[in-house]
């Protein structure tokens, strides 16, 4: 499954509500980014190959208060739940960690991340 395939699949998630999921780039004030940082391929004794690809999804937003911060974390949890319930046709999804705060900029924007691992049989 290519990064383009992953973006197409995830774009169907209601959490995005028409917002773009941009590969390896975050807009300066508000937006979503996706990147992959790890892939492994294992072959069992029967010759079946299993591919695992870890995907990092980042949400950037201006956070005026704690309620907004909590809402963003809940949004990432909803995204992970949707991904597990609607896996790609050729695989399954594991949430590799809980949604978490990543960084804060002096402009007031904050980045939040969640990791998903896509597992597929080849």
N, C-alpha and C. Protein backbone atom coordinates (compact mmCIF):
# COMPACT_ATOMS: atom_id res chain seq x y z
N UNK A 1 0.85 -1.17 0.00
CA UNK A 1 0.00 0.00 0.00
C UNK A 1 0.90 1.24 0.00
N UNK A 2 0.72 2.09 -0.99
CA UNK A 2 1.53 3.29 -1.11
C UNK A 2 0.99 4.40 -0.21
N UNK A 3 1.77 5.44 -0.02
CA UNK A 3 1.33 6.59 0.77
C UNK A 3 0.08 7.21 0.15
N UNK A 4 0.04 7.27 -1.17
CA UNK A 4 -1.15 7.81 -1.86
C UNK A 4 -2.39 6.97 -1.54
N UNK A 5 -2.24 5.65 -1.53
CA UNK A 5 -3.36 4.76 -1.17
C UNK A 5 -3.82 5.00 0.27
N UNK A 6 -2.86 5.18 1.16
CA UNK A 6 -3.19 5.43 2.57
C UNK A 6 -3.95 6.74 2.72
N UNK A 7 -3.50 7.78 2.05
CA UNK A 7 -4.18 9.09 2.12
C UNK A 7 -5.59 8.99 1.55
N UNK A 8 -5.76 8.30 0.44
CA UNK A 8 -7.08 8.13 -0.15
C UNK A 8 -8.01 7.39 0.81
N UNK A 9 -7.50 6.34 1.42
CA UNK A 9 -8.30 5.57 2.38
C UNK A 9 -8.67 6.43 3.59
N UNK A 10 -7.70 7.11 4.19
CA UNK A 10 -7.97 7.91 5.39
C UNK A 10 -8.85 9.13 5.11
N UNK A 11 -8.81 9.64 3.89
CA UNK A 11 -9.62 10.82 3.55
C UNK A 11 -11.12 10.56 3.67
N UNK A 12 -11.51 9.30 3.69
CA UNK A 12 -12.92 8.95 3.86
C UNK A 12 -13.37 9.09 5.31
N UNK A 13 -12.44 9.28 6.24
CA UNK A 13 -12.77 9.40 7.66
C UNK A 13 -13.50 10.72 7.92
N UNK A 14 -14.64 10.67 8.63
CA UNK A 14 -15.40 11.89 8.91
C UNK A 14 -14.63 12.93 9.73
N UNK A 15 -13.60 12.54 10.42
CA UNK A 15 -12.81 13.48 11.22
C UNK A 15 -12.21 14.58 10.35
N UNK A 16 -11.86 14.24 9.12
CA UNK A 16 -11.23 15.22 8.24
C UNK A 16 -12.23 16.24 7.69
N UNK A 17 -13.49 15.87 7.55
CA UNK A 17 -14.56 16.78 7.14
C UNK A 17 -14.12 17.77 6.06
N UNK A 18 -13.58 17.25 4.98
CA UNK A 18 -13.21 18.10 3.85
C UNK A 18 -11.84 18.74 3.96
N UNK A 19 -11.13 18.54 5.06
CA UNK A 19 -9.78 19.09 5.19
C UNK A 19 -8.79 18.15 4.51
N UNK A 20 -7.74 18.72 3.98
CA UNK A 20 -6.73 17.93 3.27
C UNK A 20 -5.77 17.27 4.25
N UNK A 21 -5.35 16.07 3.90
CA UNK A 21 -4.32 15.35 4.63
C UNK A 21 -3.07 15.43 3.76
N UNK A 22 -2.12 16.27 4.15
CA UNK A 22 -0.98 16.62 3.30
C UNK A 22 0.24 15.77 3.69
N UNK A 23 0.89 15.13 2.72
CA UNK A 23 2.06 14.32 3.04
C UNK A 23 3.27 15.19 3.41
N UNK A 24 3.86 14.91 4.55
CA UNK A 24 5.13 15.50 4.99
C UNK A 24 5.16 17.03 5.02
N UNK A 25 4.03 17.66 5.31
CA UNK A 25 3.99 19.13 5.39
C UNK A 25 2.81 19.56 6.26
N UNK A 26 3.06 20.52 7.14
CA UNK A 26 1.99 21.11 7.95
C UNK A 26 1.82 22.57 7.59
N UNK A 27 0.60 22.99 7.27
CA UNK A 27 0.37 24.42 7.06
C UNK A 27 0.72 25.20 8.32
N UNK A 28 0.96 26.49 8.20
CA UNK A 28 1.47 27.26 9.33
C UNK A 28 0.48 27.45 10.47
N UNK A 29 -0.83 27.46 10.22
CA UNK A 29 -1.77 27.75 11.29
C UNK A 29 -2.73 26.62 11.64
N UNK A 30 -3.18 25.89 10.65
CA UNK A 30 -4.16 24.83 10.90
C UNK A 30 -4.07 23.80 9.79
N UNK A 31 -4.09 22.53 10.15
CA UNK A 31 -4.09 21.51 9.12
C UNK A 31 -3.68 20.15 9.63
N UNK A 32 -3.60 19.23 8.68
CA UNK A 32 -3.26 17.82 8.94
C UNK A 32 -2.05 17.45 8.10
N UNK A 33 -1.21 16.59 8.65
CA UNK A 33 -0.07 16.06 7.91
C UNK A 33 0.03 14.56 8.16
N UNK A 34 0.58 13.85 7.19
CA UNK A 34 0.81 12.42 7.33
C UNK A 34 2.22 12.11 6.86
N UNK A 35 2.88 11.24 7.58
CA UNK A 35 4.21 10.78 7.17
C UNK A 35 4.38 9.33 7.62
N UNK A 36 5.27 8.64 6.96
CA UNK A 36 5.59 7.27 7.36
C UNK A 36 7.04 7.26 7.80
N UNK A 37 7.31 6.57 8.88
CA UNK A 37 8.68 6.59 9.39
C UNK A 37 9.30 5.21 9.53
N UNK A 38 8.49 4.18 9.34
CA UNK A 38 9.04 2.84 9.53
C UNK A 38 8.22 1.83 8.73
N UNK A 39 8.93 0.88 8.11
CA UNK A 39 8.26 -0.22 7.44
C UNK A 39 9.08 -1.47 7.64
N UNK A 40 8.39 -2.57 7.90
CA UNK A 40 9.09 -3.85 8.03
C UNK A 40 8.32 -4.91 7.26
N UNK A 41 9.06 -5.86 6.74
CA UNK A 41 8.46 -6.98 6.01
C UNK A 41 8.99 -8.26 6.65
N UNK A 42 8.06 -9.13 7.01
CA UNK A 42 8.42 -10.42 7.60
C UNK A 42 7.89 -11.53 6.73
N UNK A 43 8.65 -12.59 6.65
CA UNK A 43 8.23 -13.76 5.90
C UNK A 43 8.18 -14.93 6.86
N UNK A 44 7.02 -15.61 6.91
CA UNK A 44 6.91 -16.77 7.81
C UNK A 44 7.48 -18.01 7.13
N UNK A 45 7.45 -19.14 7.82
CA UNK A 45 8.08 -20.36 7.28
C UNK A 45 7.36 -20.92 6.06
N UNK A 46 6.13 -20.46 5.82
CA UNK A 46 5.40 -20.90 4.63
C UNK A 46 5.62 -19.96 3.44
N UNK A 47 6.39 -18.90 3.66
CA UNK A 47 6.66 -17.96 2.57
C UNK A 47 5.67 -16.82 2.50
N UNK A 48 4.72 -16.74 3.43
CA UNK A 48 3.77 -15.63 3.44
C UNK A 48 4.46 -14.38 3.97
N UNK A 49 4.24 -13.25 3.28
CA UNK A 49 4.87 -11.99 3.69
C UNK A 49 3.86 -11.10 4.40
N UNK A 50 4.28 -10.51 5.51
CA UNK A 50 3.46 -9.57 6.26
C UNK A 50 4.21 -8.25 6.31
N UNK A 51 3.56 -7.18 5.85
CA UNK A 51 4.17 -5.86 5.84
C UNK A 51 3.53 -5.01 6.93
N UNK A 52 4.36 -4.35 7.72
CA UNK A 52 3.89 -3.40 8.72
C UNK A 52 4.46 -2.03 8.39
N UNK A 53 3.58 -1.05 8.33
CA UNK A 53 4.02 0.31 8.00
C UNK A 53 3.46 1.27 9.05
N UNK A 54 4.34 1.99 9.74
CA UNK A 54 3.90 2.93 10.76
C UNK A 54 3.67 4.29 10.15
N UNK A 55 2.50 4.86 10.44
CA UNK A 55 2.08 6.14 9.89
C UNK A 55 1.90 7.12 11.04
N UNK A 56 2.44 8.31 10.88
CA UNK A 56 2.29 9.38 11.87
C UNK A 56 1.33 10.42 11.31
N UNK A 57 0.26 10.70 12.04
CA UNK A 57 -0.70 11.72 11.63
C UNK A 57 -0.60 12.87 12.62
N UNK A 58 -0.39 14.06 12.10
CA UNK A 58 -0.21 15.25 12.92
C UNK A 58 -1.34 16.24 12.65
N UNK A 59 -1.86 16.81 13.73
CA UNK A 59 -2.91 17.83 13.65
C UNK A 59 -2.33 19.12 14.22
N UNK A 60 -2.34 20.20 13.45
CA UNK A 60 -1.89 21.52 13.92
C UNK A 60 -3.11 22.41 14.03
N UNK A 61 -3.22 23.08 15.17
CA UNK A 61 -4.37 23.95 15.41
C UNK A 61 -4.00 24.99 16.47
N UNK A 62 -4.65 26.15 16.44
CA UNK A 62 -4.49 27.15 17.48
C UNK A 62 -5.33 26.73 18.67
N UNK A 63 -4.73 26.71 19.84
CA UNK A 63 -5.39 26.20 21.04
C UNK A 63 -5.54 27.32 22.07
N UNK A 64 -6.76 27.87 22.18
CA UNK A 64 -6.96 28.96 23.14
C UNK A 64 -7.17 28.51 24.58
N UNK A 65 -7.59 27.24 24.78
CA UNK A 65 -7.89 26.79 26.14
C UNK A 65 -7.80 25.27 26.25
N UNK A 66 -7.96 24.78 27.48
CA UNK A 66 -7.84 23.34 27.74
C UNK A 66 -8.93 22.53 27.06
N UNK A 67 -10.13 23.08 26.93
CA UNK A 67 -11.22 22.35 26.27
C UNK A 67 -10.89 22.08 24.80
N UNK A 68 -10.30 23.06 24.14
CA UNK A 68 -9.91 22.88 22.74
C UNK A 68 -8.82 21.82 22.63
N UNK A 69 -7.87 21.87 23.54
CA UNK A 69 -6.78 20.87 23.55
C UNK A 69 -7.35 19.46 23.71
N UNK A 70 -8.27 19.31 24.64
CA UNK A 70 -8.90 18.01 24.86
C UNK A 70 -9.71 17.58 23.63
N UNK A 71 -10.39 18.51 22.99
CA UNK A 71 -11.17 18.20 21.79
C UNK A 71 -10.28 17.68 20.66
N UNK A 72 -9.10 18.25 20.51
CA UNK A 72 -8.17 17.79 19.47
C UNK A 72 -7.70 16.36 19.77
N UNK A 73 -7.38 16.08 21.02
CA UNK A 73 -6.97 14.72 21.39
C UNK A 73 -8.11 13.72 21.15
N UNK A 74 -9.34 14.13 21.45
CA UNK A 74 -10.49 13.26 21.19
C UNK A 74 -10.68 13.05 19.69
N UNK A 75 -10.42 14.09 18.90
CA UNK A 75 -10.52 13.98 17.44
C UNK A 75 -9.54 12.93 16.92
N UNK A 76 -8.32 12.93 17.45
CA UNK A 76 -7.33 11.93 17.04
C UNK A 76 -7.73 10.53 17.49
N UNK A 77 -8.34 10.42 18.67
CA UNK A 77 -8.85 9.12 19.13
C UNK A 77 -9.96 8.62 18.20
N UNK A 78 -10.84 9.54 17.77
CA UNK A 78 -11.91 9.18 16.84
C UNK A 78 -11.33 8.71 15.51
N UNK A 79 -10.28 9.36 15.05
CA UNK A 79 -9.62 8.97 13.81
C UNK A 79 -9.06 7.56 13.93
N UNK A 80 -8.38 7.27 15.04
CA UNK A 80 -7.81 5.94 15.24
C UNK A 80 -8.90 4.88 15.33
N UNK A 81 -10.00 5.20 16.01
CA UNK A 81 -11.12 4.24 16.12
C UNK A 81 -11.72 3.98 14.75
N UNK A 82 -11.90 5.03 13.94
CA UNK A 82 -12.45 4.86 12.60
C UNK A 82 -11.51 3.97 11.77
N UNK A 83 -10.22 4.20 11.88
CA UNK A 83 -9.25 3.42 11.10
C UNK A 83 -9.31 1.95 11.47
N UNK A 84 -9.43 1.65 12.77
CA UNK A 84 -9.53 0.25 13.21
C UNK A 84 -10.82 -0.40 12.72
N UNK A 85 -11.92 0.37 12.72
CA UNK A 85 -13.22 -0.17 12.31
C UNK A 85 -13.38 -0.26 10.80
N UNK A 86 -12.60 0.51 10.05
CA UNK A 86 -12.68 0.56 8.59
C UNK A 86 -11.30 0.34 7.98
N UNK A 87 -10.68 -0.80 8.22
CA UNK A 87 -9.31 -1.00 7.72
C UNK A 87 -9.27 -1.06 6.19
N UNK A 88 -8.11 -0.85 5.62
CA UNK A 88 -7.98 -1.00 4.17
C UNK A 88 -8.34 -2.42 3.77
N UNK A 89 -8.69 -2.61 2.53
CA UNK A 89 -9.17 -3.91 2.04
C UNK A 89 -8.16 -5.03 2.27
N UNK A 90 -6.88 -4.72 2.25
CA UNK A 90 -5.87 -5.79 2.33
C UNK A 90 -5.14 -5.84 3.67
N UNK A 91 -5.77 -5.32 4.75
CA UNK A 91 -5.02 -5.34 5.99
C UNK A 91 -5.82 -5.00 7.23
N UNK A 92 -5.08 -4.69 8.28
CA UNK A 92 -5.67 -4.30 9.55
C UNK A 92 -4.89 -3.12 10.11
N UNK A 93 -5.43 -2.52 11.16
CA UNK A 93 -4.83 -1.33 11.77
C UNK A 93 -4.60 -1.57 13.25
N UNK A 94 -3.44 -1.10 13.73
CA UNK A 94 -3.17 -1.09 15.16
C UNK A 94 -2.80 0.34 15.54
N UNK A 95 -3.35 0.81 16.65
CA UNK A 95 -2.93 2.09 17.16
C UNK A 95 -1.65 1.84 17.93
N UNK A 96 -0.58 2.52 17.55
CA UNK A 96 0.73 2.26 18.12
C UNK A 96 0.98 3.05 19.40
N UNK A 97 0.12 3.98 19.70
CA UNK A 97 0.24 4.78 20.90
C UNK A 97 -0.98 5.65 21.04
N UNK A 98 -1.13 6.27 22.17
CA UNK A 98 -2.25 7.17 22.37
C UNK A 98 -1.98 8.52 21.72
N UNK A 99 -3.04 9.23 21.32
CA UNK A 99 -2.82 10.59 20.81
C UNK A 99 -2.11 11.42 21.86
N UNK A 100 -1.19 12.26 21.41
CA UNK A 100 -0.43 13.04 22.37
C UNK A 100 -0.04 14.40 21.82
N UNK A 101 0.25 15.31 22.75
CA UNK A 101 0.77 16.62 22.42
C UNK A 101 2.20 16.45 21.93
N UNK A 102 2.58 17.20 20.88
CA UNK A 102 3.94 17.09 20.38
C UNK A 102 4.73 18.38 20.59
N UNK A 103 4.15 19.54 20.19
CA UNK A 103 4.92 20.77 20.31
C UNK A 103 4.01 22.00 20.30
N UNK A 104 4.57 23.12 20.73
CA UNK A 104 3.85 24.40 20.76
C UNK A 104 4.73 25.47 20.13
N UNK A 105 4.14 26.30 19.27
CA UNK A 105 4.87 27.40 18.64
C UNK A 105 4.53 28.72 19.34
N UNK A 106 5.39 29.70 19.18
CA UNK A 106 5.16 31.00 19.81
C UNK A 106 3.91 31.70 19.26
N UNK A 107 3.46 31.29 18.10
CA UNK A 107 2.26 31.88 17.48
C UNK A 107 0.96 31.39 18.12
N UNK A 108 1.06 30.38 19.00
CA UNK A 108 -0.12 29.84 19.65
C UNK A 108 -0.62 28.54 19.05
N UNK A 109 0.01 28.08 17.99
CA UNK A 109 -0.40 26.81 17.41
C UNK A 109 0.26 25.66 18.16
N UNK A 110 -0.42 24.55 18.19
CA UNK A 110 0.10 23.35 18.83
C UNK A 110 -0.06 22.18 17.89
N UNK A 111 0.86 21.23 17.97
CA UNK A 111 0.82 20.02 17.16
C UNK A 111 0.50 18.84 18.06
N UNK A 112 -0.40 17.98 17.58
CA UNK A 112 -0.79 16.76 18.28
C UNK A 112 -0.60 15.61 17.30
N UNK A 113 -0.19 14.44 17.80
CA UNK A 113 0.10 13.32 16.91
C UNK A 113 -0.57 12.03 17.39
N UNK A 114 -0.75 11.13 16.43
CA UNK A 114 -1.13 9.76 16.73
C UNK A 114 -0.42 8.87 15.70
N UNK A 115 0.02 7.71 16.16
CA UNK A 115 0.67 6.74 15.28
C UNK A 115 -0.27 5.57 15.04
N UNK A 116 -0.35 5.15 13.78
CA UNK A 116 -1.10 3.97 13.39
C UNK A 116 -0.15 3.03 12.67
N UNK A 117 -0.33 1.74 12.87
CA UNK A 117 0.45 0.75 12.14
C UNK A 117 -0.49 -0.03 11.23
N UNK A 118 -0.19 0.00 9.93
CA UNK A 118 -0.97 -0.74 8.94
C UNK A 118 -0.30 -2.08 8.74
N UNK A 119 -1.05 -3.15 8.89
CA UNK A 119 -0.54 -4.51 8.74
C UNK A 119 -1.24 -5.14 7.54
N UNK A 120 -0.47 -5.62 6.57
CA UNK A 120 -1.10 -6.24 5.40
C UNK A 120 -0.35 -7.49 4.99
N UNK A 121 -1.10 -8.45 4.47
CA UNK A 121 -0.55 -9.69 3.94
C UNK A 121 -0.30 -9.49 2.46
N UNK A 122 0.80 -10.02 1.99
CA UNK A 122 1.12 -9.93 0.56
C UNK A 122 1.03 -11.29 -0.08
